Amino acid sequence: MTGTYKLHLITSTAQLDPKTRRSNPKVSILCPSERGKQLMKRVLLKKSFETPEEAEREGVAFAQKWIDDGKPDLPQP
């Protein structure tokens, strides 16, 4: 699932956990150029879902909230 939100390119995919057979959202966010630099953030959310579609939707919702919250630092893996 790919789309834009407030000039940010969001890509949300589902990563299947073979042990649990559940899907985790994997999100990439390309931020608009700031002072000539583009910023890419990637995050794999620990919350899992029954279906890949649910995981992808949650990834998009997470990205939109992160943007709305002013792009705070994300936890390091």
PDB file of N, CA and C in Angstrom:
ATOM      1  N   MET A   1       0.856  -1.159   0.000  1.00  0.00           N
ATOM      2  CA  MET A   1       0.000   0.000   0.000  1.00  0.00           C
ATOM      3  C   MET A   1       0.906   1.227   0.000  1.00  0.00           C
ATOM      4  N   THR A   2       0.724   2.084  -0.995  1.00  0.00           N
ATOM      5  CA  THR A   2       1.547   3.285  -1.126  1.00  0.00           C
ATOM      6  C   THR A   2       0.638   4.484  -1.362  1.00  0.00           C
ATOM      7  N   GLY A   3       0.995   5.601  -0.752  1.00  0.00           N
ATOM      8  CA  GLY A   3       0.241   6.827  -0.952  1.00  0.00           C
ATOM      9  C   GLY A   3       0.996   8.010  -0.395  1.00  0.00           C
ATOM     10  N   THR A   4       0.420   9.182  -0.569  1.00  0.00           N
ATOM     11  CA  THR A   4       1.038  10.389  -0.035  1.00  0.00           C
ATOM     12  C   THR A   4       0.127  10.984   1.040  1.00  0.00           C
ATOM     13  N   TYR A   5       0.785  11.653   1.977  1.00  0.00           N
ATOM     14  CA  TYR A   5       0.086  12.331   3.066  1.00  0.00           C
ATOM     15  C   TYR A   5       0.926  13.537   3.455  1.00  0.00           C
ATOM     16  N   LYS A   6       0.353  14.730   3.281  1.00  0.00           N
ATOM     17  CA  LYS A   6       1.048  15.976   3.615  1.00  0.00           C
ATOM     18  C   LYS A   6       2.452  15.998   3.002  1.00  0.00           C
ATOM     19  N   LEU A   7       2.520  15.690   1.714  1.00  0.00           N
ATOM     20  CA  LEU A   7       3.751  15.708   0.911  1.00  0.00           C
ATOM     21  C   LEU A   7       4.761  14.610   1.284  1.00  0.00           C
ATOM     22  N   HIS A   8       4.377  13.656   2.098  1.00  0.00           N
ATOM     23  CA  HIS A   8       5.232  12.536   2.479  1.00  0.00           C
ATOM     24  C   HIS A   8       4.776  11.296   1.710  1.00  0.00           C
ATOM     25  N   LEU A   9       5.720  10.536   1.180  1.00  0.00           N
ATOM     26  CA  LEU A   9       5.402   9.284   0.499  1.00  0.00           C
ATOM     27  C   LEU A   9       5.446   8.165   1.538  1.00  0.00           C
ATOM     28  N   ILE A  10       4.335   7.466   1.703  1.00  0.00           N
ATOM     29  CA  ILE A  10       4.227   6.392   2.688  1.00  0.00           C
ATOM     30  C   ILE A  10       4.059   5.070   1.954  1.00  0.00           C
ATOM     31  N   THR A  11       4.896   4.102   2.307  1.00  0.00           N
ATOM     32  CA  THR A  11       4.753   2.746   1.805  1.00  0.00           C
ATOM     33  C   THR A  11       4.591   1.825   3.005  1.00  0.00           C
ATOM     34  N   SER A  12       3.501   1.085   3.026  1.00  0.00           N
ATOM     35  CA  SER A  12       3.228   0.169   4.126  1.00  0.00           C
ATOM     36  C   SER A  12       3.041  -1.229   3.548  1.00  0.00           C
ATOM     37  N   THR A  13       3.832  -2.165   4.047  1.00  0.00           N
ATOM     38  CA  THR A  13       3.716  -3.551   3.627  1.00  0.00           C
ATOM     39  C   THR A  13       3.529  -4.416   4.869  1.00  0.00           C
ATOM     40  N   ALA A  14       3.171  -5.654   4.636  1.00  0.00           N
ATOM     41  CA  ALA A  14       2.982  -6.596   5.740  1.00  0.00           C
ATOM     42  C   ALA A  14       4.111  -7.617   5.709  1.00  0.00           C
ATOM     43  N   GLN A  15       4.711  -7.838   6.853  1.00  0.00           N
ATOM     44  CA  GLN A  15       5.759  -8.845   6.983  1.00  0.00           C
ATOM     45  C   GLN A  15       5.192 -10.003   7.795  1.00  0.00           C
ATOM     46  N   LEU A  16       5.147 -11.174   7.184  1.00  0.00           N
ATOM     47  CA  LEU A  16       4.573 -12.347   7.831  1.00  0.00           C
ATOM     48  C   LEU A  16       5.576 -12.978   8.797  1.00  0.00           C
ATOM     49  N   ASP A  17       5.116 -13.221  10.010  1.00  0.00           N
ATOM     50  CA  ASP A  17       5.921 -13.949  10.987  1.00  0.00           C
ATOM     51  C   ASP A  17       5.608 -15.432  10.792  1.00  0.00           C
ATOM     52  N   PRO A  18       6.593 -16.221  10.327  1.00  0.00           N
ATOM     53  CA  PRO A  18       6.307 -17.624  10.022  1.00  0.00           C
ATOM     54  C   PRO A  18       5.918 -18.456  11.248  1.00  0.00           C
ATOM     55  N   LYS A  19       6.336 -18.025  12.420  1.00  0.00           N
ATOM     56  CA  LYS A  19       6.001 -18.776  13.638  1.00  0.00           C
ATOM     57  C   LYS A  19       4.544 -18.574  14.042  1.00  0.00           C
ATOM     58  N   THR A  20       4.080 -17.338  13.987  1.00  0.00           N
ATOM     59  CA  THR A  20       2.719 -17.037  14.444  1.00  0.00           C
ATOM     60  C   THR A  20       1.713 -16.981  13.298  1.00  0.00           C
ATOM     61  N   ARG A  21       2.208 -16.876  12.052  1.00  0.00           N
ATOM     62  CA  ARG A  21       1.362 -16.729  10.865  1.00  0.00           C
ATOM     63  C   ARG A  21       0.538 -15.439  10.923  1.00  0.00           C
ATOM     64  N   ARG A  22       1.064 -14.448  11.634  1.00  0.00           N
ATOM     65  CA  ARG A  22       0.434 -13.131  11.717  1.00  0.00           C
ATOM     66  C   ARG A  22       1.327 -12.124  10.997  1.00  0.00           C
ATOM     67  N   SER A  23       0.759 -10.987  10.643  1.00  0.00           N
ATOM     68  CA  SER A  23       1.476  -9.977   9.872  1.00  0.00           C
ATOM     69  C   SER A  23       1.797  -8.754  10.715  1.00  0.00           C
ATOM     70  N   ASN A  24       3.013  -8.246  10.529  1.00  0.00           N
ATOM     71  CA  ASN A  24       3.457  -7.024  11.186  1.00  0.00           C
ATOM     72  C   ASN A  24       3.603  -5.930  10.137  1.00  0.00           C
ATOM     73  N   PRO A  25       3.173  -4.693  10.457  1.00  0.00           N
ATOM     74  CA  PRO A  25       3.341  -3.592   9.515  1.00  0.00           C
ATOM     75  C   PRO A  25       4.820  -3.194   9.386  1.00  0.00           C
ATOM     76  N   LYS A  26       5.255  -3.010   8.166  1.00  0.00           N
ATOM     77  CA  LYS A  26       6.593  -2.509   7.864  1.00  0.00           C
ATOM     78  C   LYS A  26       6.380  -1.233   7.051  1.00  0.00           C
ATOM     79  N   VAL A  27       6.865  -0.106   7.584  1.00  0.00           N
ATOM     80  CA  VAL A  27       6.544   1.201   7.011  1.00  0.00           C
ATOM     81  C   VAL A  27       7.808   1.937   6.587  1.00  0.00           C
ATOM     82  N   SER A  28       7.748   2.554   5.408  1.00  0.00           N
ATOM     83  CA  SER A  28       8.788   3.475   4.946  1.00  0.00           C
ATOM     84  C   SER A  28       8.128   4.821   4.680  1.00  0.00           C
ATOM     85  N   ILE A  29       8.771   5.889   5.155  1.00  0.00           N
ATOM     86  CA  ILE A  29       8.232   7.239   4.976  1.00  0.00           C
ATOM     87  C   ILE A  29       9.327   8.107   4.363  1.00  0.00           C
ATOM     88  N   LEU A  30       9.060   8.624   3.170  1.00  0.00           N
ATOM     89  CA  LEU A  30       9.991   9.537   2.519  1.00  0.00           C
ATOM     90  C   LEU A  30       9.483  10.946   2.768  1.00  0.00           C
ATOM     91  N   CYS A  31      10.274  11.713   3.523  1.00  0.00           N
ATOM     92  CA  CYS A  31       9.885  13.068   3.905  1.00  0.00           C
ATOM     93  C   CYS A  31      10.322  14.053   2.826  1.00  0.00           C
ATOM     94  N   PRO A  32       9.593  15.164   2.693  1.00  0.00           N
ATOM     95  CA  PRO A  32       9.971  16.182   1.709  1.00  0.00           C
ATOM     96  C   PRO A  32      11.384  16.699   1.970  1.00  0.00           C
ATOM     97  N   SER A  33      11.975  17.207   0.941  1.00  0.00           N
ATOM     98  CA  SER A  33      13.329  17.737   1.028  1.00  0.00           C
ATOM     99  C   SER A  33      13.397  18.897   2.019  1.00  0.00           C
ATOM    100  N   GLU A  34      14.330  18.786   2.945  1.00  0.00           N
ATOM    101  CA  GLU A  34      14.581  19.863   3.906  1.00  0.00           C
ATOM    102  C   GLU A  34      16.034  20.295   3.749  1.00  0.00           C
ATOM    103  N   ARG A  35      16.224  21.551   3.376  1.00  0.00           N
ATOM    104  CA  ARG A  35      17.572  22.071   3.136  1.00  0.00           C
ATOM    105  C   ARG A  35      18.349  21.194   2.155  1.00  0.00           C
ATOM    106  N   GLY A  36      17.657  20.738   1.095  1.00  0.00           N
ATOM    107  CA  GLY A  36      18.320  19.967   0.056  1.00  0.00           C
ATOM    108  C   GLY A  36      18.509  18.494   0.371  1.00  0.00           C
ATOM    109  N   LYS A  37      18.001  18.026   1.500  1.00  0.00           N
ATOM    110  CA  LYS A  37      18.162  16.619   1.878  1.00  0.00           C
ATOM    111  C   LYS A  37      16.793  15.970   2.040  1.00  0.00           C
ATOM    112  N   GLN A  38      16.674  14.758   1.507  1.00  0.00           N
ATOM    113  CA  GLN A  38      15.466  13.992   1.754  1.00  0.00           C
ATOM    114  C   GLN A  38      15.731  13.038   2.904  1.00  0.00           C
ATOM    115  N   LEU A  39      14.714  12.780   3.680  1.00  0.00           N
ATOM    116  CA  LEU A  39      14.834  11.919   4.841  1.00  0.00           C
ATOM    117  C   LEU A  39      13.937  10.705   4.654  1.00  0.00           C
ATOM    118  N   MET A  40      14.507   9.511   4.845  1.00  0.00           N
ATOM    119  CA  MET A  40      13.736   8.273   4.763  1.00  0.00           C
ATOM    120  C   MET A  40      13.726   7.631   6.138  1.00  0.00           C
ATOM    121  N   LYS A  41      12.548   7.337   6.634  1.00  0.00           N
ATOM    122  CA  LYS A  41      12.400   6.644   7.910  1.00  0.00           C
ATOM    123  C   LYS A  41      11.767   5.291   7.642  1.00  0.00           C
ATOM    124  N   ARG A  42      12.284   4.274   8.309  1.00  0.00           N
ATOM    125  CA  ARG A  42      11.710   2.931   8.194  1.00  0.00           C
ATOM    126  C   ARG A  42      11.454   2.391   9.592  1.00  0.00           C
ATOM    127  N   VAL A  43      10.329   1.702   9.727  1.00  0.00           N
ATOM    128  CA  VAL A  43      10.001   1.123  11.027  1.00  0.00           C
ATOM    129  C   VAL A  43       9.196  -0.167  10.817  1.00  0.00           C
ATOM    130  N   LEU A  44       9.522  -1.168  11.619  1.00  0.00           N
ATOM    131  CA  LEU A  44       8.754  -2.408  11.663  1.00  0.00           C
ATOM    132  C   LEU A  44       8.019  -2.411  12.996  1.00  0.00           C
ATOM    133  N   LEU A  45       6.707  -2.328  12.923  1.00  0.00           N
ATOM    134  CA  LEU A  45       5.915  -2.273  14.142  1.00  0.00           C
ATOM    135  C   LEU A  45       5.808  -3.667  14.758  1.00  0.00           C
ATOM    136  N   LYS A  46       5.833  -3.720  16.072  1.00  0.00           N
ATOM    137  CA  LYS A  46       5.801  -5.000  16.774  1.00  0.00           C
ATOM    138  C   LYS A  46       4.390  -5.565  16.896  1.00  0.00           C
ATOM    139  N   LYS A  47       3.394  -4.732  16.727  1.00  0.00           N
ATOM    140  CA  LYS A  47       2.011  -5.186  16.825  1.00  0.00           C
ATOM    141  C   LYS A  47       1.700  -6.068  15.611  1.00  0.00           C
ATOM    142  N   SER A  48       1.033  -7.200  15.831  1.00  0.00           N
ATOM    143  CA  SER A  48       0.733  -8.102  14.723  1.00  0.00           C
ATOM    144  C   SER A  48      -0.772  -8.179  14.476  1.00  0.00           C
ATOM    145  N   PHE A  49      -1.120  -8.596  13.259  1.00  0.00           N
ATOM    146  CA  PHE A  49      -2.509  -8.631  12.813  1.00  0.00           C
ATOM    147  C   PHE A  49      -2.800  -9.940  12.106  1.00  0.00           C
ATOM    148  N   GLU A  50      -4.063 -10.299  12.092  1.00  0.00           N
ATOM    149  CA  GLU A  50      -4.504 -11.548  11.452  1.00  0.00           C
ATOM    150  C   GLU A  50      -4.248 -11.536   9.947  1.00  0.00           C
ATOM    151  N   THR A  51      -4.484 -10.381   9.304  1.00  0.00           N
ATOM    152  CA  THR A  51      -4.364 -10.325   7.852  1.00  0.00           C
ATOM    153  C   THR A  51      -3.317  -9.283   7.429  1.00  0.00           C
ATOM    154  N   PRO A  52      -2.721  -9.487   6.248  1.00  0.00           N
ATOM    155  CA  PRO A  52      -1.790  -8.491   5.725  1.00  0.00           C
ATOM    156  C   PRO A  52      -2.456  -7.128   5.502  1.00  0.00           C
ATOM    157  N   GLU A  53      -3.722  -7.138   5.089  1.00  0.00           N
ATOM    158  CA  GLU A  53      -4.427  -5.879   4.836  1.00  0.00           C
ATOM    159  C   GLU A  53      -4.566  -5.058   6.113  1.00  0.00           C
ATOM    160  N   GLU A  54      -4.879  -5.720   7.218  1.00  0.00           N
ATOM    161  CA  GLU A  54      -4.974  -5.007   8.503  1.00  0.00           C
ATOM    162  C   GLU A  54      -3.621  -4.409   8.880  1.00  0.00           C
ATOM    163  N   ALA A  55      -2.557  -5.173   8.682  1.00  0.00           N
ATOM    164  CA  ALA A  55      -1.216  -4.692   9.012  1.00  0.00           C
ATOM    165  C   ALA A  55      -0.843  -3.481   8.159  1.00  0.00           C
ATOM    166  N   GLU A  56      -1.160  -3.534   6.875  1.00  0.00           N
ATOM    167  CA  GLU A  56      -0.841  -2.410   5.990  1.00  0.00           C
ATOM    168  C   GLU A  56      -1.620  -1.157   6.391  1.00  0.00           C
ATOM    169  N   ARG A  57      -2.898  -1.312   6.699  1.00  0.00           N
ATOM    170  CA  ARG A  57      -3.707  -0.149   7.124  1.00  0.00           C
ATOM    171  C   ARG A  57      -3.156   0.454   8.413  1.00  0.00           C
ATOM    172  N   GLU A  58      -2.766  -0.391   9.355  1.00  0.00           N
ATOM    173  CA  GLU A  58      -2.202   0.107  10.616  1.00  0.00           C
ATOM    174  C   GLU A  58      -0.881   0.837  10.365  1.00  0.00           C
ATOM    175  N   GLY A  59      -0.088   0.344   9.413  1.00  0.00           N
ATOM    176  CA  GLY A  59       1.165   1.015   9.066  1.00  0.00           C
ATOM    177  C   GLY A  59       0.925   2.413   8.536  1.00  0.00           C
ATOM    178  N   VAL A  60      -0.077   2.566   7.681  1.00  0.00           N
ATOM    179  CA  VAL A  60      -0.417   3.891   7.144  1.00  0.00           C
ATOM    180  C   VAL A  60      -0.897   4.802   8.269  1.00  0.00           C
ATOM    181  N   ALA A  61      -1.761   4.292   9.139  1.00  0.00           N
ATOM    182  CA  ALA A  61      -2.267   5.094  10.260  1.00  0.00           C
ATOM    183  C   ALA A  61      -1.115   5.528  11.167  1.00  0.00           C
ATOM    184  N   PHE A  62      -0.163   4.625  11.429  1.00  0.00           N
ATOM    185  CA  PHE A  62       1.000   4.964  12.249  1.00  0.00           C
ATOM    186  C   PHE A  62       1.797   6.095  11.593  1.00  0.00           C
ATOM    187  N   ALA A  63       2.041   5.988  10.290  1.00  0.00           N
ATOM    188  CA  ALA A  63       2.828   7.002   9.586  1.00  0.00           C
ATOM    189  C   ALA A  63       2.135   8.358   9.617  1.00  0.00           C
ATOM    190  N   GLN A  64       0.833   8.374   9.376  1.00  0.00           N
ATOM    191  CA  GLN A  64       0.101   9.642   9.394  1.00  0.00           C
ATOM    192  C   GLN A  64       0.143  10.291  10.775  1.00  0.00           C
ATOM    193  N   LYS A  65      -0.025   9.495  11.823  1.00  0.00           N
ATOM    194  CA  LYS A  65       0.045  10.038  13.181  1.00  0.00           C
ATOM    195  C   LYS A  65       1.444  10.568  13.477  1.00  0.00           C
ATOM    196  N   TRP A  66       2.485   9.857  13.041  1.00  0.00           N
ATOM    197  CA  TRP A  66       3.868  10.282  13.251  1.00  0.00           C
ATOM    198  C   TRP A  66       4.099  11.638  12.584  1.00  0.00           C
ATOM    199  N   ILE A  67       3.591  11.800  11.373  1.00  0.00           N
ATOM    200  CA  ILE A  67       3.729  13.080  10.656  1.00  0.00           C
ATOM    201  C   ILE A  67       2.969  14.173  11.405  1.00  0.00           C
ATOM    202  N   ASP A  68       1.720  13.894  11.790  1.00  0.00           N
ATOM    203  CA  ASP A  68       0.899  14.879  12.501  1.00  0.00           C
ATOM    204  C   ASP A  68       1.506  15.274  13.846  1.00  0.00           C
ATOM    205  N   ASP A  69       2.221  14.346  14.481  1.00  0.00           N
ATOM    206  CA  ASP A  69       2.837  14.613  15.779  1.00  0.00           C
ATOM    207  C   ASP A  69       4.167  15.372  15.661  1.00  0.00           C
ATOM    208  N   GLY A  70       4.541  15.756  14.443  1.00  0.00           N
ATOM    209  CA  GLY A  70       5.758  16.546  14.269  1.00  0.00           C
ATOM    210  C   GLY A  70       7.012  15.715  14.029  1.00  0.00           C
ATOM    211  N   LYS A  71       6.847  14.455  13.637  1.00  0.00           N
ATOM    212  CA  LYS A  71       7.953  13.551  13.306  1.00  0.00           C
ATOM    213  C   LYS A  71       8.945  13.379  14.460  1.00  0.00           C
ATOM    214  N   PRO A  72       8.448  12.941  15.626  1.00  0.00           N
ATOM    215  CA  PRO A  72       9.364  12.717  16.750  1.00  0.00           C
ATOM    216  C   PRO A  72      10.330  11.574  16.457  1.00  0.00           C
ATOM    217  N   ASP A  73      11.419  11.526  17.211  1.00  0.00           N
ATOM    218  CA  ASP A  73      12.393  10.448  17.035  1.00  0.00           C
ATOM    219  C   ASP A  73      11.703   9.104  17.201  1.00  0.00           C
ATOM    220  N   LEU A  74      12.082   8.173  16.346  1.00  0.00           N
ATOM    221  CA  LEU A  74      11.555   6.816  16.430  1.00  0.00           C
ATOM    222  C   LEU A  74      12.522   5.948  17.201  1.00  0.00           C
ATOM    223  N   PRO A  75      12.020   4.951  17.938  1.00  0.00           N
ATOM    224  CA  PRO A  75      12.923   4.064  18.669  1.00  0.00           C
ATOM    225  C   PRO A  75      13.826   3.307  17.711  1.00  0.00           C
ATOM    226  N   GLN A  76      15.056   3.098  18.116  1.00  0.00           N
ATOM    227  CA  GLN A  76      16.005   2.343  17.302  1.00  0.00           C
ATOM    228  C   GLN A  76      15.772   0.857  17.508  1.00  0.00           C
ATOM    229  N   PRO A  77      15.945   0.064  16.435  1.00  0.00           N
ATOM    230  CA  PRO A  77      15.728  -1.384  16.566  1.00  0.00           C
ATOM    231  C   PRO A  77      16.764  -2.039  17.456  1.00  0.00           C
TER     232      PRO A  77
END
